[in-house]
């Protein structure tokens, strides 16, 4: 199996507290399913604070990259046999309700 990173685009901040709770519960069920199969490695949401380094001399502390629709809200590390298999796992993720998900394979360095 290969490593894949699911990057969650958006942070769901437009959801009500009840909607967020329901999404979290659905995510827990999804996570446990894939953890039990050995595909789920880990994941976490990101805090909203951050810096964007444009280059070595330029840092942005606010701007579009912190917009709830543009920000990367978190990551999920999974294992899958192929990009297509990783994409199918991501298709079942309840975070797709309100957020996008980038599915990216890790580059093998050796």
PDB file of N, CA and C in Angstrom:
ATOM      1  N   UNK A   1       0.846  -1.185   0.000  1.00  0.00           N
ATOM      2  CA  UNK A   1       0.000   0.000   0.000  1.00  0.00           C
ATOM      3  C   UNK A   1       0.888   1.244   0.000  1.00  0.00           C
ATOM      4  N   UNK A   2       0.329   2.326  -0.490  1.00  0.00           N
ATOM      5  CA  UNK A   2       1.034   3.598  -0.583  1.00  0.00           C
ATOM      6  C   UNK A   2       0.398   4.629   0.348  1.00  0.00           C
ATOM      7  N   UNK A   3       1.182   5.671   0.680  1.00  0.00           N
ATOM      8  CA  UNK A   3       0.706   6.765   1.518  1.00  0.00           C
ATOM      9  C   UNK A   3       0.024   7.832   0.681  1.00  0.00           C
ATOM     10  N   UNK A   4      -1.100   8.331   1.180  1.00  0.00           N
ATOM     11  CA  UNK A   4      -1.821   9.426   0.543  1.00  0.00           C
ATOM     12  C   UNK A   4      -2.214  10.449   1.602  1.00  0.00           C
ATOM     13  N   UNK A   5      -2.220  11.707   1.200  1.00  0.00           N
ATOM     14  CA  UNK A   5      -2.660  12.789   2.076  1.00  0.00           C
ATOM     15  C   UNK A   5      -3.975  13.323   1.514  1.00  0.00           C
ATOM     16  N   UNK A   6      -4.975  13.373   2.349  1.00  0.00           N
ATOM     17  CA  UNK A   6      -6.232  14.021   1.996  1.00  0.00           C
ATOM     18  C   UNK A   6      -6.187  15.390   2.656  1.00  0.00           C
ATOM     19  N   UNK A   7      -6.193  16.435   1.858  1.00  0.00           N
ATOM     20  CA  UNK A   7      -6.177  17.804   2.380  1.00  0.00           C
ATOM     21  C   UNK A   7      -7.583  18.367   2.274  1.00  0.00           C
ATOM     22  N   UNK A   8      -8.130  18.779   3.393  1.00  0.00           N
ATOM     23  CA  UNK A   8      -9.506  19.251   3.460  1.00  0.00           C
ATOM     24  C   UNK A   8      -9.531  20.742   3.168  1.00  0.00           C
ATOM     25  N   UNK A   9     -10.179  21.116   2.058  1.00  0.00           N
ATOM     26  CA  UNK A   9     -10.294  22.524   1.671  1.00  0.00           C
ATOM     27  C   UNK A   9     -11.583  23.090   2.260  1.00  0.00           C
ATOM     28  N   UNK A  10     -11.438  24.120   3.078  1.00  0.00           N
ATOM     29  CA  UNK A  10     -12.566  24.701   3.799  1.00  0.00           C
ATOM     30  C   UNK A  10     -12.515  24.234   5.240  1.00  0.00           C
ATOM     31  N   UNK A  11     -13.204  24.958   6.099  1.00  0.00           N
ATOM     32  CA  UNK A  11     -13.165  24.573   7.516  1.00  0.00           C
ATOM     33  C   UNK A  11     -14.545  24.321   8.101  1.00  0.00           C
ATOM     34  N   UNK A  12     -15.577  24.393   7.283  1.00  0.00           N
ATOM     35  CA  UNK A  12     -16.918  24.115   7.774  1.00  0.00           C
ATOM     36  C   UNK A  12     -17.459  25.139   8.733  1.00  0.00           C
ATOM     37  N   UNK A  13     -16.826  26.320   8.792  1.00  0.00           N
ATOM     38  CA  UNK A  13     -17.235  27.320   9.781  1.00  0.00           C
ATOM     39  C   UNK A  13     -18.615  27.902   9.516  1.00  0.00           C
ATOM     40  N   UNK A  14     -19.184  27.620   8.361  1.00  0.00           N
ATOM     41  CA  UNK A  14     -20.525  28.125   8.070  1.00  0.00           C
ATOM     42  C   UNK A  14     -21.609  27.199   8.623  1.00  0.00           C
ATOM     43  N   UNK A  15     -21.209  26.082   9.219  1.00  0.00           N
ATOM     44  CA  UNK A  15     -22.176  25.138   9.778  1.00  0.00           C
ATOM     45  C   UNK A  15     -22.587  25.569  11.185  1.00  0.00           C
ATOM     46  N   UNK A  16     -23.804  25.218  11.547  1.00  0.00           N
ATOM     47  CA  UNK A  16     -24.276  25.488  12.908  1.00  0.00           C
ATOM     48  C   UNK A  16     -23.591  24.519  13.866  1.00  0.00           C
ATOM     49  N   UNK A  17     -23.626  24.805  15.180  1.00  0.00           N
ATOM     50  CA  UNK A  17     -23.036  23.861  16.148  1.00  0.00           C
ATOM     51  C   UNK A  17     -23.651  22.463  16.041  1.00  0.00           C
ATOM     52  N   UNK A  18     -24.954  22.384  15.780  1.00  0.00           N
ATOM     53  CA  UNK A  18     -25.608  21.082  15.639  1.00  0.00           C
ATOM     54  C   UNK A  18     -25.106  20.357  14.399  1.00  0.00           C
ATOM     55  N   UNK A  19     -24.948  21.090  13.292  1.00  0.00           N
ATOM     56  CA  UNK A  19     -24.430  20.496  12.061  1.00  0.00           C
ATOM     57  C   UNK A  19     -22.987  20.030  12.247  1.00  0.00           C
ATOM     58  N   UNK A  20     -22.191  20.837  12.954  1.00  0.00           N
ATOM     59  CA  UNK A  20     -20.797  20.465  13.214  1.00  0.00           C
ATOM     60  C   UNK A  20     -20.734  19.197  14.055  1.00  0.00           C
ATOM     61  N   UNK A  21     -21.589  19.074  15.063  1.00  0.00           N
ATOM     62  CA  UNK A  21     -21.606  17.886  15.910  1.00  0.00           C
ATOM     63  C   UNK A  21     -21.979  16.653  15.092  1.00  0.00           C
ATOM     64  N   UNK A  22     -22.991  16.779  14.244  1.00  0.00           N
ATOM     65  CA  UNK A  22     -23.418  15.660  13.404  1.00  0.00           C
ATOM     66  C   UNK A  22     -22.290  15.257  12.448  1.00  0.00           C
ATOM     67  N   UNK A  23     -21.612  16.244  11.867  1.00  0.00           N
ATOM     68  CA  UNK A  23     -20.509  15.964  10.951  1.00  0.00           C
ATOM     69  C   UNK A  23     -19.368  15.265  11.692  1.00  0.00           C
ATOM     70  N   UNK A  24     -19.072  15.719  12.903  1.00  0.00           N
ATOM     71  CA  UNK A  24     -18.016  15.102  13.699  1.00  0.00           C
ATOM     72  C   UNK A  24     -18.354  13.645  14.017  1.00  0.00           C
ATOM     73  N   UNK A  25     -19.597  13.387  14.380  1.00  0.00           N
ATOM     74  CA  UNK A  25     -20.019  12.014  14.670  1.00  0.00           C
ATOM     75  C   UNK A  25     -19.909  11.135  13.428  1.00  0.00           C
ATOM     76  N   UNK A  26     -20.320  11.653  12.279  1.00  0.00           N
ATOM     77  CA  UNK A  26     -20.215  10.912  11.015  1.00  0.00           C
ATOM     78  C   UNK A  26     -18.756  10.658  10.663  1.00  0.00           C
ATOM     79  N   UNK A  27     -17.913  11.666  10.900  1.00  0.00           N
ATOM     80  CA  UNK A  27     -16.487  11.516  10.619  1.00  0.00           C
ATOM     81  C   UNK A  27     -15.873  10.431  11.500  1.00  0.00           C
ATOM     82  N   UNK A  28     -16.268  10.387  12.775  1.00  0.00           N
ATOM     83  CA  UNK A  28     -15.750   9.373  13.693  1.00  0.00           C
ATOM     84  C   UNK A  28     -16.084   7.965  13.188  1.00  0.00           C
ATOM     85  N   UNK A  29     -17.303   7.779  12.704  1.00  0.00           N
ATOM     86  CA  UNK A  29     -17.713   6.476  12.166  1.00  0.00           C
ATOM     87  C   UNK A  29     -16.868   6.138  10.945  1.00  0.00           C
ATOM     88  N   UNK A  30     -16.705   7.101  10.030  1.00  0.00           N
ATOM     89  CA  UNK A  30     -15.889   6.898   8.825  1.00  0.00           C
ATOM     90  C   UNK A  30     -14.451   6.564   9.210  1.00  0.00           C
ATOM     91  N   UNK A  31     -13.891   7.326  10.145  1.00  0.00           N
ATOM     92  CA  UNK A  31     -12.513   7.127  10.577  1.00  0.00           C
ATOM     93  C   UNK A  31     -12.330   5.730  11.175  1.00  0.00           C
ATOM     94  N   UNK A  32     -13.239   5.308  12.040  1.00  0.00           N
ATOM     95  CA  UNK A  32     -13.122   3.989  12.669  1.00  0.00           C
ATOM     96  C   UNK A  32     -13.210   2.870  11.630  1.00  0.00           C
ATOM     97  N   UNK A  33     -14.053   3.042  10.625  1.00  0.00           N
ATOM     98  CA  UNK A  33     -14.151   2.041   9.549  1.00  0.00           C
ATOM     99  C   UNK A  33     -12.798   1.861   8.885  1.00  0.00           C
ATOM    100  N   UNK A  34     -12.165   2.966   8.506  1.00  0.00           N
ATOM    101  CA  UNK A  34     -10.905   2.879   7.769  1.00  0.00           C
ATOM    102  C   UNK A  34      -9.727   2.586   8.692  1.00  0.00           C
ATOM    103  N   UNK A  35      -9.841   2.942   9.949  1.00  0.00           N
ATOM    104  CA  UNK A  35      -8.797   2.579  10.916  1.00  0.00           C
ATOM    105  C   UNK A  35      -8.802   1.056  11.094  1.00  0.00           C
ATOM    106  N   UNK A  36      -9.981   0.482  11.196  1.00  0.00           N
ATOM    107  CA  UNK A  36     -10.110  -0.963  11.361  1.00  0.00           C
ATOM    108  C   UNK A  36      -9.583  -1.747  10.179  1.00  0.00           C
ATOM    109  N   UNK A  37      -9.627  -1.169   8.998  1.00  0.00           N
ATOM    110  CA  UNK A  37      -9.137  -1.859   7.803  1.00  0.00           C
ATOM    111  C   UNK A  37      -7.641  -1.646   7.589  1.00  0.00           C
ATOM    112  N   UNK A  38      -7.043  -0.769   8.394  1.00  0.00           N
ATOM    113  CA  UNK A  38      -5.623  -0.476   8.239  1.00  0.00           C
ATOM    114  C   UNK A  38      -5.326   0.642   7.258  1.00  0.00           C
ATOM    115  N   UNK A  39      -6.357   1.272   6.698  1.00  0.00           N
ATOM    116  CA  UNK A  39      -6.143   2.346   5.723  1.00  0.00           C
ATOM    117  C   UNK A  39      -5.941   3.712   6.367  1.00  0.00           C
ATOM    118  N   UNK A  40      -6.543   3.948   7.517  1.00  0.00           N
ATOM    119  CA  UNK A  40      -6.453   5.247   8.181  1.00  0.00           C
ATOM    120  C   UNK A  40      -5.198   5.292   9.031  1.00  0.00           C
ATOM    121  N   UNK A  41      -4.345   6.295   8.803  1.00  0.00           N
ATOM    122  CA  UNK A  41      -3.118   6.448   9.575  1.00  0.00           C
ATOM    123  C   UNK A  41      -3.288   7.516  10.647  1.00  0.00           C
ATOM    124  N   UNK A  42      -3.872   8.662  10.293  1.00  0.00           N
ATOM    125  CA  UNK A  42      -4.067   9.743  11.250  1.00  0.00           C
ATOM    126  C   UNK A  42      -4.637  10.967  10.563  1.00  0.00           C
ATOM    127  N   UNK A  43      -4.898  11.986  11.353  1.00  0.00           N
ATOM    128  CA  UNK A  43      -5.425  13.221  10.799  1.00  0.00           C
ATOM    129  C   UNK A  43      -5.746  14.193  11.907  1.00  0.00           C
ATOM    130  N   UNK A  44      -5.909  15.456  11.518  1.00  0.00           N
ATOM    131  CA  UNK A  44      -6.234  16.487  12.496  1.00  0.00           C
ATOM    132  C   UNK A  44      -6.694  17.747  11.782  1.00  0.00           C
ATOM    133  N   UNK A  45      -7.567  18.509  12.426  1.00  0.00           N
ATOM    134  CA  UNK A  45      -7.908  19.824  11.886  1.00  0.00           C
ATOM    135  C   UNK A  45      -6.785  20.803  12.206  1.00  0.00           C
ATOM    136  N   UNK A  46      -6.723  21.884  11.455  1.00  0.00           N
ATOM    137  CA  UNK A  46      -5.749  22.938  11.714  1.00  0.00           C
ATOM    138  C   UNK A  46      -6.428  24.088  12.447  1.00  0.00           C
ATOM    139  N   UNK A  47      -5.658  24.811  13.243  1.00  0.00           N
ATOM    140  CA  UNK A  47      -6.145  26.049  13.824  1.00  0.00           C
ATOM    141  C   UNK A  47      -6.300  27.072  12.700  1.00  0.00           C
ATOM    142  N   UNK A  48      -7.097  28.103  12.935  1.00  0.00           N
ATOM    143  CA  UNK A  48      -7.304  29.105  11.887  1.00  0.00           C
ATOM    144  C   UNK A  48      -6.147  30.089  11.783  1.00  0.00           C
ATOM    145  N   UNK A  49      -5.357  30.260  12.835  1.00  0.00           N
ATOM    146  CA  UNK A  49      -4.204  31.167  12.775  1.00  0.00           C
ATOM    147  C   UNK A  49      -3.116  30.526  11.929  1.00  0.00           C
ATOM    148  N   UNK A  50      -2.325  31.349  11.276  1.00  0.00           N
ATOM    149  CA  UNK A  50      -1.220  30.805  10.507  1.00  0.00           C
ATOM    150  C   UNK A  50      -0.495  31.863   9.712  1.00  0.00           C
ATOM    151  N   UNK A  51       0.565  31.450   9.078  1.00  0.00           N
ATOM    152  CA  UNK A  51       1.352  32.321   8.201  1.00  0.00           C
ATOM    153  C   UNK A  51       1.500  31.643   6.849  1.00  0.00           C
ATOM    154  N   UNK A  52       1.551  32.440   5.817  1.00  0.00           N
ATOM    155  CA  UNK A  52       1.809  31.957   4.474  1.00  0.00           C
ATOM    156  C   UNK A  52       3.120  32.579   4.019  1.00  0.00           C
ATOM    157  N   UNK A  53       4.125  31.745   3.789  1.00  0.00           N
ATOM    158  CA  UNK A  53       5.418  32.229   3.322  1.00  0.00           C
ATOM    159  C   UNK A  53       5.407  32.250   1.803  1.00  0.00           C
ATOM    160  N   UNK A  54       5.417  33.441   1.243  1.00  0.00           N
ATOM    161  CA  UNK A  54       5.413  33.609  -0.206  1.00  0.00           C
ATOM    162  C   UNK A  54       6.809  33.303  -0.745  1.00  0.00           C
ATOM    163  N   UNK A  55       7.800  33.773  -0.049  1.00  0.00           N
ATOM    164  CA  UNK A  55       9.201  33.498  -0.342  1.00  0.00           C
ATOM    165  C   UNK A  55       9.982  33.733   0.945  1.00  0.00           C
ATOM    166  N   UNK A  56      11.278  33.697   0.881  1.00  0.00           N
ATOM    167  CA  UNK A  56      12.095  33.797   2.084  1.00  0.00           C
ATOM    168  C   UNK A  56      11.920  35.126   2.815  1.00  0.00           C
ATOM    169  N   UNK A  57      11.534  36.176   2.100  1.00  0.00           N
ATOM    170  CA  UNK A  57      11.407  37.499   2.702  1.00  0.00           C
ATOM    171  C   UNK A  57       9.969  37.961   2.926  1.00  0.00           C
ATOM    172  N   UNK A  58       8.983  37.209   2.446  1.00  0.00           N
ATOM    173  CA  UNK A  58       7.604  37.681   2.476  1.00  0.00           C
ATOM    174  C   UNK A  58       6.706  36.701   3.219  1.00  0.00           C
ATOM    175  N   UNK A  59       6.081  37.198   4.284  1.00  0.00           N
ATOM    176  CA  UNK A  59       5.165  36.397   5.072  1.00  0.00           C
ATOM    177  C   UNK A  59       3.822  37.125   5.143  1.00  0.00           C
ATOM    178  N   UNK A  60       2.745  36.384   4.944  1.00  0.00           N
ATOM    179  CA  UNK A  60       1.405  36.934   5.043  1.00  0.00           C
ATOM    180  C   UNK A  60       0.736  36.303   6.256  1.00  0.00           C
ATOM    181  N   UNK A  61       0.145  37.140   7.125  1.00  0.00           N
ATOM    182  CA  UNK A  61      -0.525  36.645   8.325  1.00  0.00           C
ATOM    183  C   UNK A  61      -2.037  36.667   8.197  1.00  0.00           C
ATOM    184  N   UNK A  62      -2.530  37.360   7.207  1.00  0.00           N
ATOM    185  CA  UNK A  62      -3.968  37.380   6.957  1.00  0.00           C
ATOM    186  C   UNK A  62      -4.164  37.490   5.458  1.00  0.00           C
ATOM    187  N   UNK A  63      -5.357  37.169   5.011  1.00  0.00           N
ATOM    188  CA  UNK A  63      -5.628  37.245   3.586  1.00  0.00           C
ATOM    189  C   UNK A  63      -6.483  36.081   3.131  1.00  0.00           C
ATOM    190  N   UNK A  64      -6.556  35.892   1.821  1.00  0.00           N
ATOM    191  CA  UNK A  64      -7.424  34.872   1.240  1.00  0.00           C
ATOM    192  C   UNK A  64      -7.118  33.466   1.729  1.00  0.00           C
ATOM    193  N   UNK A  65      -5.852  33.180   2.040  1.00  0.00           N
ATOM    194  CA  UNK A  65      -5.523  31.821   2.459  1.00  0.00           C
ATOM    195  C   UNK A  65      -6.168  31.462   3.790  1.00  0.00           C
ATOM    196  N   UNK A  66      -6.658  32.470   4.538  1.00  0.00           N
ATOM    197  CA  UNK A  66      -7.368  32.205   5.789  1.00  0.00           C
ATOM    198  C   UNK A  66      -8.886  32.265   5.629  1.00  0.00           C
ATOM    199  N   UNK A  67      -9.365  32.578   4.427  1.00  0.00           N
ATOM    200  CA  UNK A  67     -10.799  32.566   4.146  1.00  0.00           C
ATOM    201  C   UNK A  67     -11.310  31.140   4.354  1.00  0.00           C
ATOM    202  N   UNK A  68     -12.432  30.959   5.061  1.00  0.00           N
ATOM    203  CA  UNK A  68     -12.933  29.605   5.349  1.00  0.00           C
ATOM    204  C   UNK A  68     -13.113  28.736   4.107  1.00  0.00           C
ATOM    205  N   UNK A  69     -13.442  29.334   2.964  1.00  0.00           N
ATOM    206  CA  UNK A  69     -13.625  28.547   1.742  1.00  0.00           C
ATOM    207  C   UNK A  69     -12.305  28.248   1.038  1.00  0.00           C
ATOM    208  N   UNK A  70     -11.270  29.004   1.346  1.00  0.00           N
ATOM    209  CA  UNK A  70      -9.986  28.837   0.669  1.00  0.00           C
ATOM    210  C   UNK A  70      -8.938  28.139   1.518  1.00  0.00           C
ATOM    211  N   UNK A  71      -9.137  28.115   2.808  1.00  0.00           N
ATOM    212  CA  UNK A  71      -8.131  27.571   3.706  1.00  0.00           C
ATOM    213  C   UNK A  71      -8.072  26.050   3.638  1.00  0.00           C
ATOM    214  N   UNK A  72      -6.939  25.504   3.979  1.00  0.00           N
ATOM    215  CA  UNK A  72      -6.823  24.059   4.182  1.00  0.00           C
ATOM    216  C   UNK A  72      -7.158  23.837   5.652  1.00  0.00           C
ATOM    217  N   UNK A  73      -8.291  23.211   5.891  1.00  0.00           N
ATOM    218  CA  UNK A  73      -8.812  23.085   7.250  1.00  0.00           C
ATOM    219  C   UNK A  73      -8.229  21.946   8.057  1.00  0.00           C
ATOM    220  N   UNK A  74      -7.572  20.994   7.380  1.00  0.00           N
ATOM    221  CA  UNK A  74      -6.997  19.869   8.088  1.00  0.00           C
ATOM    222  C   UNK A  74      -6.464  18.842   7.116  1.00  0.00           C
ATOM    223  N   UNK A  75      -5.971  17.743   7.673  1.00  0.00           N
ATOM    224  CA  UNK A  75      -5.409  16.693   6.834  1.00  0.00           C
ATOM    225  C   UNK A  75      -5.840  15.330   7.351  1.00  0.00           C
ATOM    226  N   UNK A  76      -5.797  14.353   6.455  1.00  0.00           N
ATOM    227  CA  UNK A  76      -6.052  12.959   6.797  1.00  0.00           C
ATOM    228  C   UNK A  76      -4.995  12.147   6.058  1.00  0.00           C
ATOM    229  N   UNK A  77      -4.253  11.344   6.770  1.00  0.00           N
ATOM    230  CA  UNK A  77      -3.220  10.489   6.186  1.00  0.00           C
ATOM    231  C   UNK A  77      -3.808   9.086   6.075  1.00  0.00           C
ATOM    232  N   UNK A  78      -3.848   8.548   4.850  1.00  0.00           N
ATOM    233  CA  UNK A  78      -4.383   7.206   4.634  1.00  0.00           C
ATOM    234  C   UNK A  78      -3.385   6.366   3.842  1.00  0.00           C
ATOM    235  N   UNK A  79      -3.633   5.088   3.824  1.00  0.00           N
ATOM    236  CA  UNK A  79      -2.901   4.128   3.001  1.00  0.00           C
ATOM    237  C   UNK A  79      -3.905   3.531   2.029  1.00  0.00           C
ATOM    238  N   UNK A  80      -3.476   3.354   0.775  1.00  0.00           N
ATOM    239  CA  UNK A  80      -4.345   2.740  -0.225  1.00  0.00           C
ATOM    240  C   UNK A  80      -3.476   2.101  -1.301  1.00  0.00           C
ATOM    241  N   UNK A  81      -4.069   1.221  -2.072  1.00  0.00           N
ATOM    242  CA  UNK A  81      -3.335   0.511  -3.117  1.00  0.00           C
ATOM    243  C   UNK A  81      -3.050   1.368  -4.343  1.00  0.00           C
ATOM    244  N   UNK A  82      -3.834   2.434  -4.548  1.00  0.00           N
ATOM    245  CA  UNK A  82      -3.655   3.270  -5.731  1.00  0.00           C
ATOM    246  C   UNK A  82      -4.335   4.618  -5.500  1.00  0.00           C
ATOM    247  N   UNK A  83      -4.074   5.549  -6.398  1.00  0.00           N
ATOM    248  CA  UNK A  83      -4.743   6.854  -6.333  1.00  0.00           C
ATOM    249  C   UNK A  83      -6.251   6.678  -6.461  1.00  0.00           C
ATOM    250  N   UNK A  84      -6.677   5.781  -7.340  1.00  0.00           N
ATOM    251  CA  UNK A  84      -8.122   5.543  -7.483  1.00  0.00           C
ATOM    252  C   UNK A  84      -8.728   4.988  -6.203  1.00  0.00           C
ATOM    253  N   UNK A  85      -8.017   4.063  -5.546  1.00  0.00           N
ATOM    254  CA  UNK A  85      -8.523   3.497  -4.292  1.00  0.00           C
ATOM    255  C   UNK A  85      -8.578   4.567  -3.205  1.00  0.00           C
ATOM    256  N   UNK A  86      -7.554   5.425  -3.136  1.00  0.00           N
ATOM    257  CA  UNK A  86      -7.548   6.519  -2.151  1.00  0.00           C
ATOM    258  C   UNK A  86      -8.700   7.485  -2.421  1.00  0.00           C
ATOM    259  N   UNK A  87      -8.972   7.739  -3.682  1.00  0.00           N
ATOM    260  CA  UNK A  87     -10.070   8.633  -4.054  1.00  0.00           C
ATOM    261  C   UNK A  87     -11.415   8.042  -3.628  1.00  0.00           C
ATOM    262  N   UNK A  88     -11.568   6.746  -3.774  1.00  0.00           N
ATOM    263  CA  UNK A  88     -12.811   6.103  -3.349  1.00  0.00           C
ATOM    264  C   UNK A  88     -12.990   6.186  -1.837  1.00  0.00           C
ATOM    265  N   UNK A  89     -11.908   6.048  -1.086  1.00  0.00           N
ATOM    266  CA  UNK A  89     -11.981   6.220   0.370  1.00  0.00           C
ATOM    267  C   UNK A  89     -12.411   7.654   0.689  1.00  0.00           C
ATOM    268  N   UNK A  90     -11.811   8.621  -0.002  1.00  0.00           N
ATOM    269  CA  UNK A  90     -12.138  10.036   0.229  1.00  0.00           C
ATOM    270  C   UNK A  90     -13.586  10.346  -0.138  1.00  0.00           C
ATOM    271  N   UNK A  91     -14.107   9.692  -1.161  1.00  0.00           N
ATOM    272  CA  UNK A  91     -15.504   9.928  -1.576  1.00  0.00           C
ATOM    273  C   UNK A  91     -16.498   9.610  -0.469  1.00  0.00           C
ATOM    274  N   UNK A  92     -16.127   8.709   0.429  1.00  0.00           N
ATOM    275  CA  UNK A  92     -17.014   8.334   1.534  1.00  0.00           C
ATOM    276  C   UNK A  92     -16.891   9.264   2.737  1.00  0.00           C
ATOM    277  N   UNK A  93     -15.915  10.164   2.715  1.00  0.00           N
ATOM    278  CA  UNK A  93     -15.667  11.024   3.872  1.00  0.00           C
ATOM    279  C   UNK A  93     -16.800  12.028   4.060  1.00  0.00           C
ATOM    280  N   UNK A  94     -17.400  12.090   5.242  1.00  0.00           N
ATOM    281  CA  UNK A  94     -18.501  13.020   5.489  1.00  0.00           C
ATOM    282  C   UNK A  94     -18.073  14.488   5.436  1.00  0.00           C
ATOM    283  N   UNK A  95     -16.778  14.769   5.485  1.00  0.00           N
ATOM    284  CA  UNK A  95     -16.328  16.161   5.386  1.00  0.00           C
ATOM    285  C   UNK A  95     -16.588  16.750   4.008  1.00  0.00           C
ATOM    286  N   UNK A  96     -16.859  15.889   3.018  1.00  0.00           N
ATOM    287  CA  UNK A  96     -17.199  16.387   1.686  1.00  0.00           C
ATOM    288  C   UNK A  96     -18.492  17.188   1.689  1.00  0.00           C
ATOM    289  N   UNK A  97     -19.283  17.045   2.726  1.00  0.00           N
ATOM    290  CA  UNK A  97     -20.495  17.848   2.873  1.00  0.00           C
ATOM    291  C   UNK A  97     -20.084  19.224   3.398  1.00  0.00           C
ATOM    292  N   UNK A  98     -19.719  20.114   2.503  1.00  0.00           N
ATOM    293  CA  UNK A  98     -19.329  21.469   2.878  1.00  0.00           C
ATOM    294  C   UNK A  98     -17.864  21.792   2.644  1.00  0.00           C
ATOM    295  N   UNK A  99     -17.051  20.789   2.404  1.00  0.00           N
ATOM    296  CA  UNK A  99     -15.624  21.006   2.159  1.00  0.00           C
ATOM    297  C   UNK A  99     -15.205  20.186   0.942  1.00  0.00           C
ATOM    298  N   UNK A 100     -14.126  20.593   0.310  1.00  0.00           N
ATOM    299  CA  UNK A 100     -13.526  19.799  -0.752  1.00  0.00           C
ATOM    300  C   UNK A 100     -12.379  18.987  -0.171  1.00  0.00           C
ATOM    301  N   UNK A 101     -11.954  17.969  -0.893  1.00  0.00           N
ATOM    302  CA  UNK A 101     -10.824  17.160  -0.436  1.00  0.00           C
ATOM    303  C   UNK A 101      -9.863  16.945  -1.603  1.00  0.00           C
ATOM    304  N   UNK A 102      -8.611  17.354  -1.393  1.00  0.00           N
ATOM    305  CA  UNK A 102      -7.546  17.033  -2.334  1.00  0.00           C
ATOM    306  C   UNK A 102      -7.009  15.654  -1.954  1.00  0.00           C
ATOM    307  N   UNK A 103      -6.816  14.787  -2.932  1.00  0.00           N
ATOM    308  CA  UNK A 103      -6.229  13.466  -2.711  1.00  0.00           C
ATOM    309  C   UNK A 103      -4.867  13.473  -3.394  1.00  0.00           C
ATOM    310  N   UNK A 104      -3.800  13.378  -2.588  1.00  0.00           N
ATOM    311  CA  UNK A 104      -2.448  13.490  -3.138  1.00  0.00           C
ATOM    312  C   UNK A 104      -1.574  12.346  -2.635  1.00  0.00           C
ATOM    313  N   UNK A 105      -0.889  11.662  -3.561  1.00  0.00           N
ATOM    314  CA  UNK A 105       0.062  10.632  -3.139  1.00  0.00           C
ATOM    315  C   UNK A 105       1.346  11.279  -2.642  1.00  0.00           C
ATOM    316  N   UNK A 106       2.008  10.620  -1.722  1.00  0.00           N
ATOM    317  CA  UNK A 106       3.328  11.056  -1.282  1.00  0.00           C
ATOM    318  C   UNK A 106       4.320  10.691  -2.384  1.00  0.00           C
ATOM    319  N   UNK A 107       5.298  11.535  -2.604  1.00  0.00           N
ATOM    320  CA  UNK A 107       6.368  11.254  -3.542  1.00  0.00           C
ATOM    321  C   UNK A 107       7.371  10.335  -2.869  1.00  0.00           C
ATOM    322  N   UNK A 108       7.679   9.235  -3.507  1.00  0.00           N
ATOM    323  CA  UNK A 108       8.673   8.314  -2.938  1.00  0.00           C
ATOM    324  C   UNK A 108      10.051   8.921  -3.125  1.00  0.00           C
ATOM    325  N   UNK A 109      10.779   9.061  -2.026  1.00  0.00           N
ATOM    326  CA  UNK A 109      12.073   9.739  -2.052  1.00  0.00           C
ATOM    327  C   UNK A 109      13.249   8.766  -2.188  1.00  0.00           C
ATOM    328  N   UNK A 110      13.027   7.473  -2.110  1.00  0.00           N
ATOM    329  CA  UNK A 110      14.139   6.532  -2.276  1.00  0.00           C
ATOM    330  C   UNK A 110      13.744   5.346  -3.100  1.00  0.00           C
TER     331      UNK A 110
END
